[in-house]
């Protein structure tokens, strides 16, 4: 019986792949200049996993590209505190 957390070939767990997809899709949107879509996707990811500090860092980058410096700084700060909290918890 196959483990439901892996694909049929026992490759990367689906959960891990979903995190990769969550980062790759906003990345592609950002490269294509669709910063609003990138921001929206990263915001969804943050709402789903508020302690996943990488999404804050990526959204901070997107906000900087949009010249929204205040929100870029806020996300950079949230990224730092999220990463510290994750380190302490583990």
PDB file of N, CA and C in Angstrom:
ATOM      1  N   UNK A   1       0.839  -1.182   0.000  1.00  0.00           N
ATOM      2  CA  UNK A   1       0.000   0.000   0.000  1.00  0.00           C
ATOM      3  C   UNK A   1       0.885   1.248   0.000  1.00  0.00           C
ATOM      4  N   UNK A   2       0.555   2.193  -0.850  1.00  0.00           N
ATOM      5  CA  UNK A   2       1.366   3.401  -0.999  1.00  0.00           C
ATOM      6  C   UNK A   2       1.077   4.407   0.092  1.00  0.00           C
ATOM      7  N   UNK A   3       2.140   5.042   0.574  1.00  0.00           N
ATOM      8  CA  UNK A   3       2.012   6.138   1.544  1.00  0.00           C
ATOM      9  C   UNK A   3       1.372   7.324   0.831  1.00  0.00           C
ATOM     10  N   UNK A   4       0.321   7.894   1.411  1.00  0.00           N
ATOM     11  CA  UNK A   4      -0.386   8.990   0.744  1.00  0.00           C
ATOM     12  C   UNK A   4       0.424  10.282   0.712  1.00  0.00           C
ATOM     13  N   UNK A   5       1.554  10.324   1.433  1.00  0.00           N
ATOM     14  CA  UNK A   5       2.369  11.537   1.460  1.00  0.00           C
ATOM     15  C   UNK A   5       3.466  11.549   0.412  1.00  0.00           C
ATOM     16  N   UNK A   6       3.546  10.494  -0.392  1.00  0.00           N
ATOM     17  CA  UNK A   6       4.561  10.458  -1.452  1.00  0.00           C
ATOM     18  C   UNK A   6       3.881  10.165  -2.780  1.00  0.00           C
ATOM     19  N   UNK A   7       4.590  10.459  -3.861  1.00  0.00           N
ATOM     20  CA  UNK A   7       4.033  10.168  -5.166  1.00  0.00           C
ATOM     21  C   UNK A   7       4.220   8.674  -5.467  1.00  0.00           C
ATOM     22  N   UNK A   8       3.679   8.178  -6.572  1.00  0.00           N
ATOM     23  CA  UNK A   8       3.766   6.744  -6.867  1.00  0.00           C
ATOM     24  C   UNK A   8       5.197   6.195  -6.932  1.00  0.00           C
ATOM     25  N   UNK A   9       6.167   7.032  -7.201  1.00  0.00           N
ATOM     26  CA  UNK A   9       7.553   6.566  -7.279  1.00  0.00           C
ATOM     27  C   UNK A   9       8.330   6.817  -5.994  1.00  0.00           C
ATOM     28  N   UNK A  10       7.620   7.143  -4.918  1.00  0.00           N
ATOM     29  CA  UNK A  10       8.231   7.428  -3.616  1.00  0.00           C
ATOM     30  C   UNK A  10       9.225   8.576  -3.680  1.00  0.00           C
ATOM     31  N   UNK A  11       8.924   9.566  -4.500  1.00  0.00           N
ATOM     32  CA  UNK A  11       9.765  10.748  -4.582  1.00  0.00           C
ATOM     33  C   UNK A  11       9.379  11.750  -3.502  1.00  0.00           C
ATOM     34  N   UNK A  12       9.752  12.972  -3.698  1.00  0.00           N
ATOM     35  CA  UNK A  12       9.539  14.036  -2.733  1.00  0.00           C
ATOM     36  C   UNK A  12       8.126  14.002  -2.152  1.00  0.00           C
ATOM     37  N   UNK A  13       8.004  14.104  -0.831  1.00  0.00           N
ATOM     38  CA  UNK A  13       6.674  14.128  -0.234  1.00  0.00           C
ATOM     39  C   UNK A  13       5.828  15.256  -0.815  1.00  0.00           C
ATOM     40  N   UNK A  14       4.527  14.980  -0.969  1.00  0.00           N
ATOM     41  CA  UNK A  14       3.621  15.981  -1.526  1.00  0.00           C
ATOM     42  C   UNK A  14       3.647  17.282  -0.730  1.00  0.00           C
ATOM     43  N   UNK A  15       3.731  17.186   0.586  1.00  0.00           N
ATOM     44  CA  UNK A  15       3.733  18.399   1.405  1.00  0.00           C
ATOM     45  C   UNK A  15       4.919  19.269   1.037  1.00  0.00           C
ATOM     46  N   UNK A  16       6.097  18.666   0.891  1.00  0.00           N
ATOM     47  CA  UNK A  16       7.292  19.419   0.516  1.00  0.00           C
ATOM     48  C   UNK A  16       7.127  20.009  -0.880  1.00  0.00           C
ATOM     49  N   UNK A  17       6.576  19.226  -1.794  1.00  0.00           N
ATOM     50  CA  UNK A  17       6.383  19.718  -3.150  1.00  0.00           C
ATOM     51  C   UNK A  17       5.412  20.884  -3.168  1.00  0.00           C
ATOM     52  N   UNK A  18       4.404  20.871  -2.304  1.00  0.00           N
ATOM     53  CA  UNK A  18       3.459  21.988  -2.293  1.00  0.00           C
ATOM     54  C   UNK A  18       4.147  23.269  -1.827  1.00  0.00           C
ATOM     55  N   UNK A  19       5.111  23.163  -0.904  1.00  0.00           N
ATOM     56  CA  UNK A  19       5.868  24.347  -0.484  1.00  0.00           C
ATOM     57  C   UNK A  19       6.726  24.854  -1.640  1.00  0.00           C
ATOM     58  N   UNK A  20       7.308  23.941  -2.408  1.00  0.00           N
ATOM     59  CA  UNK A  20       8.099  24.351  -3.576  1.00  0.00           C
ATOM     60  C   UNK A  20       7.196  25.062  -4.570  1.00  0.00           C
ATOM     61  N   UNK A  21       6.022  24.494  -4.840  1.00  0.00           N
ATOM     62  CA  UNK A  21       5.081  25.117  -5.769  1.00  0.00           C
ATOM     63  C   UNK A  21       4.638  26.478  -5.248  1.00  0.00           C
ATOM     64  N   UNK A  22       4.426  26.565  -3.942  1.00  0.00           N
ATOM     65  CA  UNK A  22       3.987  27.834  -3.352  1.00  0.00           C
ATOM     66  C   UNK A  22       5.026  28.927  -3.543  1.00  0.00           C
ATOM     67  N   UNK A  23       6.293  28.570  -3.590  1.00  0.00           N
ATOM     68  CA  UNK A  23       7.344  29.555  -3.794  1.00  0.00           C
ATOM     69  C   UNK A  23       7.594  29.769  -5.286  1.00  0.00           C
ATOM     70  N   UNK A  24       7.547  28.707  -6.084  1.00  0.00           N
ATOM     71  CA  UNK A  24       7.850  28.801  -7.509  1.00  0.00           C
ATOM     72  C   UNK A  24       6.815  29.634  -8.255  1.00  0.00           C
ATOM     73  N   UNK A  25       5.542  29.460  -7.964  1.00  0.00           N
ATOM     74  CA  UNK A  25       4.496  30.171  -8.688  1.00  0.00           C
ATOM     75  C   UNK A  25       4.596  31.688  -8.486  1.00  0.00           C
ATOM     76  N   UNK A  26       4.746  32.186  -7.253  1.00  0.00           N
ATOM     77  CA  UNK A  26       4.944  33.634  -7.097  1.00  0.00           C
ATOM     78  C   UNK A  26       6.243  34.103  -7.763  1.00  0.00           C
ATOM     79  N   UNK A  27       7.244  33.243  -7.747  1.00  0.00           N
ATOM     80  CA  UNK A  27       8.519  33.587  -8.379  1.00  0.00           C
ATOM     81  C   UNK A  27       8.318  33.815  -9.878  1.00  0.00           C
ATOM     82  N   UNK A  28       7.589  32.929 -10.516  1.00  0.00           N
ATOM     83  CA  UNK A  28       7.318  33.061 -11.957  1.00  0.00           C
ATOM     84  C   UNK A  28       6.496  34.317 -12.219  1.00  0.00           C
ATOM     85  N   UNK A  29       5.483  34.557 -11.377  1.00  0.00           N
ATOM     86  CA  UNK A  29       4.665  35.766 -11.537  1.00  0.00           C
ATOM     87  C   UNK A  29       5.536  37.012 -11.412  1.00  0.00           C
ATOM     88  N   UNK A  30       6.448  36.999 -10.463  1.00  0.00           N
ATOM     89  CA  UNK A  30       7.345  38.144 -10.258  1.00  0.00           C
ATOM     90  C   UNK A  30       8.257  38.342 -11.460  1.00  0.00           C
ATOM     91  N   UNK A  31       8.805  37.251 -11.976  1.00  0.00           N
ATOM     92  CA  UNK A  31       9.682  37.346 -13.157  1.00  0.00           C
ATOM     93  C   UNK A  31       8.930  37.876 -14.366  1.00  0.00           C
ATOM     94  N   UNK A  32       7.641  37.541 -14.454  1.00  0.00           N
ATOM     95  CA  UNK A  32       6.823  38.013 -15.571  1.00  0.00           C
ATOM     96  C   UNK A  32       6.310  39.432 -15.360  1.00  0.00           C
ATOM     97  N   UNK A  33       6.667  40.027 -14.210  1.00  0.00           N
ATOM     98  CA  UNK A  33       6.243  41.392 -13.936  1.00  0.00           C
ATOM     99  C   UNK A  33       4.862  41.500 -13.331  1.00  0.00           C
ATOM    100  N   UNK A  34       4.251  40.365 -13.018  1.00  0.00           N
ATOM    101  CA  UNK A  34       2.917  40.355 -12.426  1.00  0.00           C
ATOM    102  C   UNK A  34       3.053  40.382 -10.903  1.00  0.00           C
ATOM    103  N   UNK A  35       3.451  41.539 -10.394  1.00  0.00           N
ATOM    104  CA  UNK A  35       3.752  41.672  -8.972  1.00  0.00           C
ATOM    105  C   UNK A  35       2.511  41.544  -8.097  1.00  0.00           C
ATOM    106  N   UNK A  36       1.352  41.966  -8.586  1.00  0.00           N
ATOM    107  CA  UNK A  36       0.117  41.837  -7.805  1.00  0.00           C
ATOM    108  C   UNK A  36      -0.240  40.375  -7.579  1.00  0.00           C
ATOM    109  N   UNK A  37      -0.069  39.552  -8.609  1.00  0.00           N
ATOM    110  CA  UNK A  37      -0.330  38.119  -8.464  1.00  0.00           C
ATOM    111  C   UNK A  37       0.669  37.496  -7.507  1.00  0.00           C
ATOM    112  N   UNK A  38       1.935  37.842  -7.640  1.00  0.00           N
ATOM    113  CA  UNK A  38       2.963  37.319  -6.739  1.00  0.00           C
ATOM    114  C   UNK A  38       2.637  37.697  -5.297  1.00  0.00           C
ATOM    115  N   UNK A  39       2.269  38.944  -5.088  1.00  0.00           N
ATOM    116  CA  UNK A  39       1.913  39.398  -3.739  1.00  0.00           C
ATOM    117  C   UNK A  39       0.710  38.615  -3.204  1.00  0.00           C
ATOM    118  N   UNK A  40      -0.305  38.450  -4.019  1.00  0.00           N
ATOM    119  CA  UNK A  40      -1.502  37.720  -3.597  1.00  0.00           C
ATOM    120  C   UNK A  40      -1.217  36.274  -3.237  1.00  0.00           C
ATOM    121  N   UNK A  41      -0.406  35.603  -4.047  1.00  0.00           N
ATOM    122  CA  UNK A  41      -0.070  34.207  -3.774  1.00  0.00           C
ATOM    123  C   UNK A  41       0.751  34.072  -2.495  1.00  0.00           C
ATOM    124  N   UNK A  42       1.687  34.977  -2.305  1.00  0.00           N
ATOM    125  CA  UNK A  42       2.497  34.935  -1.088  1.00  0.00           C
ATOM    126  C   UNK A  42       1.659  35.268   0.145  1.00  0.00           C
ATOM    127  N   UNK A  43       0.711  36.178  -0.002  1.00  0.00           N
ATOM    128  CA  UNK A  43      -0.183  36.505   1.103  1.00  0.00           C
ATOM    129  C   UNK A  43      -1.026  35.287   1.477  1.00  0.00           C
ATOM    130  N   UNK A  44      -1.516  34.558   0.485  1.00  0.00           N
ATOM    131  CA  UNK A  44      -2.260  33.328   0.753  1.00  0.00           C
ATOM    132  C   UNK A  44      -1.388  32.327   1.502  1.00  0.00           C
ATOM    133  N   UNK A  45      -0.142  32.192   1.069  1.00  0.00           N
ATOM    134  CA  UNK A  45       0.774  31.260   1.721  1.00  0.00           C
ATOM    135  C   UNK A  45       1.032  31.678   3.165  1.00  0.00           C
ATOM    136  N   UNK A  46       1.191  32.972   3.397  1.00  0.00           N
ATOM    137  CA  UNK A  46       1.413  33.483   4.757  1.00  0.00           C
ATOM    138  C   UNK A  46       0.181  33.244   5.615  1.00  0.00           C
ATOM    139  N   UNK A  47      -1.003  33.457   5.062  1.00  0.00           N
ATOM    140  CA  UNK A  47      -2.232  33.222   5.815  1.00  0.00           C
ATOM    141  C   UNK A  47      -2.399  31.746   6.171  1.00  0.00           C
ATOM    142  N   UNK A  48      -1.921  30.869   5.301  1.00  0.00           N
ATOM    143  CA  UNK A  48      -2.001  29.430   5.539  1.00  0.00           C
ATOM    144  C   UNK A  48      -0.943  28.970   6.534  1.00  0.00           C
ATOM    145  N   UNK A  49       0.276  29.490   6.399  1.00  0.00           N
ATOM    146  CA  UNK A  49       1.396  29.089   7.256  1.00  0.00           C
ATOM    147  C   UNK A  49       2.100  30.343   7.773  1.00  0.00           C
ATOM    148  N   UNK A  50       1.539  30.992   8.793  1.00  0.00           N
ATOM    149  CA  UNK A  50       2.094  32.269   9.256  1.00  0.00           C
ATOM    150  C   UNK A  50       3.510  32.177   9.837  1.00  0.00           C
ATOM    151  N   UNK A  51       3.973  30.991  10.162  1.00  0.00           N
ATOM    152  CA  UNK A  51       5.324  30.850  10.720  1.00  0.00           C
ATOM    153  C   UNK A  51       6.356  30.448   9.670  1.00  0.00           C
ATOM    154  N   UNK A  52       5.946  30.380   8.407  1.00  0.00           N
ATOM    155  CA  UNK A  52       6.871  30.015   7.329  1.00  0.00           C
ATOM    156  C   UNK A  52       7.578  31.283   6.851  1.00  0.00           C
ATOM    157  N   UNK A  53       8.731  31.552   7.447  1.00  0.00           N
ATOM    158  CA  UNK A  53       9.404  32.841   7.275  1.00  0.00           C
ATOM    159  C   UNK A  53       9.856  33.134   5.848  1.00  0.00           C
ATOM    160  N   UNK A  54      10.048  32.130   5.038  1.00  0.00           N
ATOM    161  CA  UNK A  54      10.498  32.358   3.664  1.00  0.00           C
ATOM    162  C   UNK A  54       9.476  33.153   2.861  1.00  0.00           C
ATOM    163  N   UNK A  55       8.204  32.909   3.105  1.00  0.00           N
ATOM    164  CA  UNK A  55       7.159  33.640   2.371  1.00  0.00           C
ATOM    165  C   UNK A  55       7.190  35.125   2.696  1.00  0.00           C
ATOM    166  N   UNK A  56       7.486  35.465   3.961  1.00  0.00           N
ATOM    167  CA  UNK A  56       7.621  36.885   4.327  1.00  0.00           C
ATOM    168  C   UNK A  56       8.790  37.520   3.569  1.00  0.00           C
ATOM    169  N   UNK A  57       9.893  36.789   3.484  1.00  0.00           N
ATOM    170  CA  UNK A  57      11.069  37.317   2.786  1.00  0.00           C
ATOM    171  C   UNK A  57      10.764  37.544   1.310  1.00  0.00           C
ATOM    172  N   UNK A  58      10.084  36.591   0.701  1.00  0.00           N
ATOM    173  CA  UNK A  58       9.758  36.729  -0.720  1.00  0.00           C
ATOM    174  C   UNK A  58       8.764  37.860  -0.954  1.00  0.00           C
ATOM    175  N   UNK A  59       7.749  37.958  -0.062  1.00  0.00           N
ATOM    176  CA  UNK A  59       6.783  39.048  -0.230  1.00  0.00           C
ATOM    177  C   UNK A  59       7.451  40.396   0.009  1.00  0.00           C
ATOM    178  N   UNK A  60       8.422  40.447   0.912  1.00  0.00           N
ATOM    179  CA  UNK A  60       9.176  41.680   1.137  1.00  0.00           C
ATOM    180  C   UNK A  60       9.885  42.110  -0.152  1.00  0.00           C
ATOM    181  N   UNK A  61      10.464  41.146  -0.840  1.00  0.00           N
ATOM    182  CA  UNK A  61      11.131  41.428  -2.118  1.00  0.00           C
ATOM    183  C   UNK A  61      10.136  41.977  -3.142  1.00  0.00           C
ATOM    184  N   UNK A  62       8.957  41.343  -3.204  1.00  0.00           N
ATOM    185  CA  UNK A  62       7.924  41.797  -4.145  1.00  0.00           C
ATOM    186  C   UNK A  62       7.497  43.223  -3.807  1.00  0.00           C
ATOM    187  N   UNK A  63       7.300  43.499  -2.515  1.00  0.00           N
ATOM    188  CA  UNK A  63       6.877  44.840  -2.113  1.00  0.00           C
ATOM    189  C   UNK A  63       7.960  45.871  -2.454  1.00  0.00           C
ATOM    190  N   UNK A  64       9.216  45.499  -2.321  1.00  0.00           N
ATOM    191  CA  UNK A  64      10.302  46.409  -2.700  1.00  0.00           C
ATOM    192  C   UNK A  64      10.281  46.668  -4.206  1.00  0.00           C
ATOM    193  N   UNK A  65      10.003  45.639  -4.994  1.00  0.00           N
ATOM    194  CA  UNK A  65       9.906  45.832  -6.445  1.00  0.00           C
ATOM    195  C   UNK A  65       8.755  46.756  -6.804  1.00  0.00           C
ATOM    196  N   UNK A  66       7.703  46.759  -5.968  1.00  0.00           N
ATOM    197  CA  UNK A  66       6.561  47.650  -6.191  1.00  0.00           C
ATOM    198  C   UNK A  66       6.820  49.040  -5.597  1.00  0.00           C
ATOM    199  N   UNK A  67       8.002  49.238  -5.021  1.00  0.00           N
ATOM    200  CA  UNK A  67       8.392  50.492  -4.354  1.00  0.00           C
ATOM    201  C   UNK A  67       7.498  50.808  -3.156  1.00  0.00           C
ATOM    202  N   UNK A  68       6.944  49.780  -2.548  1.00  0.00           N
ATOM    203  CA  UNK A  68       6.157  49.925  -1.329  1.00  0.00           C
ATOM    204  C   UNK A  68       7.097  49.622  -0.166  1.00  0.00           C
ATOM    205  N   UNK A  69       7.947  50.582   0.137  1.00  0.00           N
ATOM    206  CA  UNK A  69       9.059  50.381   1.070  1.00  0.00           C
ATOM    207  C   UNK A  69       8.601  50.070   2.484  1.00  0.00           C
ATOM    208  N   UNK A  70       7.523  50.696   2.936  1.00  0.00           N
ATOM    209  CA  UNK A  70       7.037  50.448   4.294  1.00  0.00           C
ATOM    210  C   UNK A  70       6.592  48.993   4.470  1.00  0.00           C
ATOM    211  N   UNK A  71       5.818  48.506   3.515  1.00  0.00           N
ATOM    212  CA  UNK A  71       5.351  47.106   3.607  1.00  0.00           C
ATOM    213  C   UNK A  71       6.506  46.133   3.395  1.00  0.00           C
ATOM    214  N   UNK A  72       7.464  46.501   2.559  1.00  0.00           N
ATOM    215  CA  UNK A  72       8.643  45.647   2.373  1.00  0.00           C
ATOM    216  C   UNK A  72       9.405  45.510   3.688  1.00  0.00           C
ATOM    217  N   UNK A  73       9.568  46.623   4.379  1.00  0.00           N
ATOM    218  CA  UNK A  73      10.267  46.601   5.667  1.00  0.00           C
ATOM    219  C   UNK A  73       9.486  45.801   6.707  1.00  0.00           C
ATOM    220  N   UNK A  74       8.165  45.990   6.755  1.00  0.00           N
ATOM    221  CA  UNK A  74       7.345  45.232   7.711  1.00  0.00           C
ATOM    222  C   UNK A  74       7.475  43.731   7.492  1.00  0.00           C
ATOM    223  N   UNK A  75       7.433  43.298   6.232  1.00  0.00           N
ATOM    224  CA  UNK A  75       7.580  41.865   5.955  1.00  0.00           C
ATOM    225  C   UNK A  75       8.982  41.373   6.293  1.00  0.00           C
ATOM    226  N   UNK A  76       9.985  42.190   6.055  1.00  0.00           N
ATOM    227  CA  UNK A  76      11.355  41.796   6.407  1.00  0.00           C
ATOM    228  C   UNK A  76      11.476  41.617   7.918  1.00  0.00           C
ATOM    229  N   UNK A  77      10.830  42.499   8.669  1.00  0.00           N
ATOM    230  CA  UNK A  77      10.851  42.380  10.135  1.00  0.00           C
ATOM    231  C   UNK A  77      10.088  41.132  10.570  1.00  0.00           C
ATOM    232  N   UNK A  78       8.923  40.891   9.980  1.00  0.00           N
ATOM    233  CA  UNK A  78       8.136  39.698  10.311  1.00  0.00           C
ATOM    234  C   UNK A  78       8.914  38.439   9.978  1.00  0.00           C
ATOM    235  N   UNK A  79       9.650  38.465   8.873  1.00  0.00           N
ATOM    236  CA  UNK A  79      10.462  37.318   8.476  1.00  0.00           C
ATOM    237  C   UNK A  79      11.490  37.026   9.551  1.00  0.00           C
ATOM    238  N   UNK A  80      12.135  38.059  10.061  1.00  0.00           N
ATOM    239  CA  UNK A  80      13.170  37.881  11.068  1.00  0.00           C
ATOM    240  C   UNK A  80      12.587  37.292  12.341  1.00  0.00           C
ATOM    241  N   UNK A  81      11.467  37.852  12.820  1.00  0.00           N
ATOM    242  CA  UNK A  81      10.868  37.351  14.049  1.00  0.00           C
ATOM    243  C   UNK A  81      10.288  35.957  13.868  1.00  0.00           C
ATOM    244  N   UNK A  82       9.742  35.667  12.694  1.00  0.00           N
ATOM    245  CA  UNK A  82       9.216  34.338  12.420  1.00  0.00           C
ATOM    246  C   UNK A  82      10.343  33.311  12.432  1.00  0.00           C
ATOM    247  N   UNK A  83      11.474  33.655  11.833  1.00  0.00           N
ATOM    248  CA  UNK A  83      12.616  32.745  11.799  1.00  0.00           C
ATOM    249  C   UNK A  83      13.167  32.512  13.199  1.00  0.00           C
ATOM    250  N   UNK A  84      13.240  33.557  13.998  1.00  0.00           N
ATOM    251  CA  UNK A  84      13.739  33.426  15.382  1.00  0.00           C
ATOM    252  C   UNK A  84      12.792  32.554  16.198  1.00  0.00           C
ATOM    253  N   UNK A  85      11.484  32.791  16.060  1.00  0.00           N
ATOM    254  CA  UNK A  85      10.494  31.996  16.790  1.00  0.00           C
ATOM    255  C   UNK A  85      10.585  30.533  16.384  1.00  0.00           C
ATOM    256  N   UNK A  86      10.785  30.272  15.093  1.00  0.00           N
ATOM    257  CA  UNK A  86      10.911  28.888  14.596  1.00  0.00           C
ATOM    258  C   UNK A  86      12.153  28.229  15.187  1.00  0.00           C
ATOM    259  N   UNK A  87      13.255  28.964  15.259  1.00  0.00           N
ATOM    260  CA  UNK A  87      14.498  28.434  15.814  1.00  0.00           C
ATOM    261  C   UNK A  87      14.329  28.104  17.295  1.00  0.00           C
ATOM    262  N   UNK A  88      13.691  28.993  18.017  1.00  0.00           N
ATOM    263  CA  UNK A  88      13.484  28.778  19.465  1.00  0.00           C
ATOM    264  C   UNK A  88      12.575  27.579  19.691  1.00  0.00           C
ATOM    265  N   UNK A  89      11.520  27.455  18.885  1.00  0.00           N
ATOM    266  CA  UNK A  89      10.562  26.366  19.046  1.00  0.00           C
ATOM    267  C   UNK A  89      11.181  25.008  18.765  1.00  0.00           C
ATOM    268  N   UNK A  90      12.181  24.991  17.902  1.00  0.00           N
ATOM    269  CA  UNK A  90      12.791  23.698  17.542  1.00  0.00           C
ATOM    270  C   UNK A  90      14.067  23.554  18.303  1.00  0.00           C
TER     271      UNK A  90
END
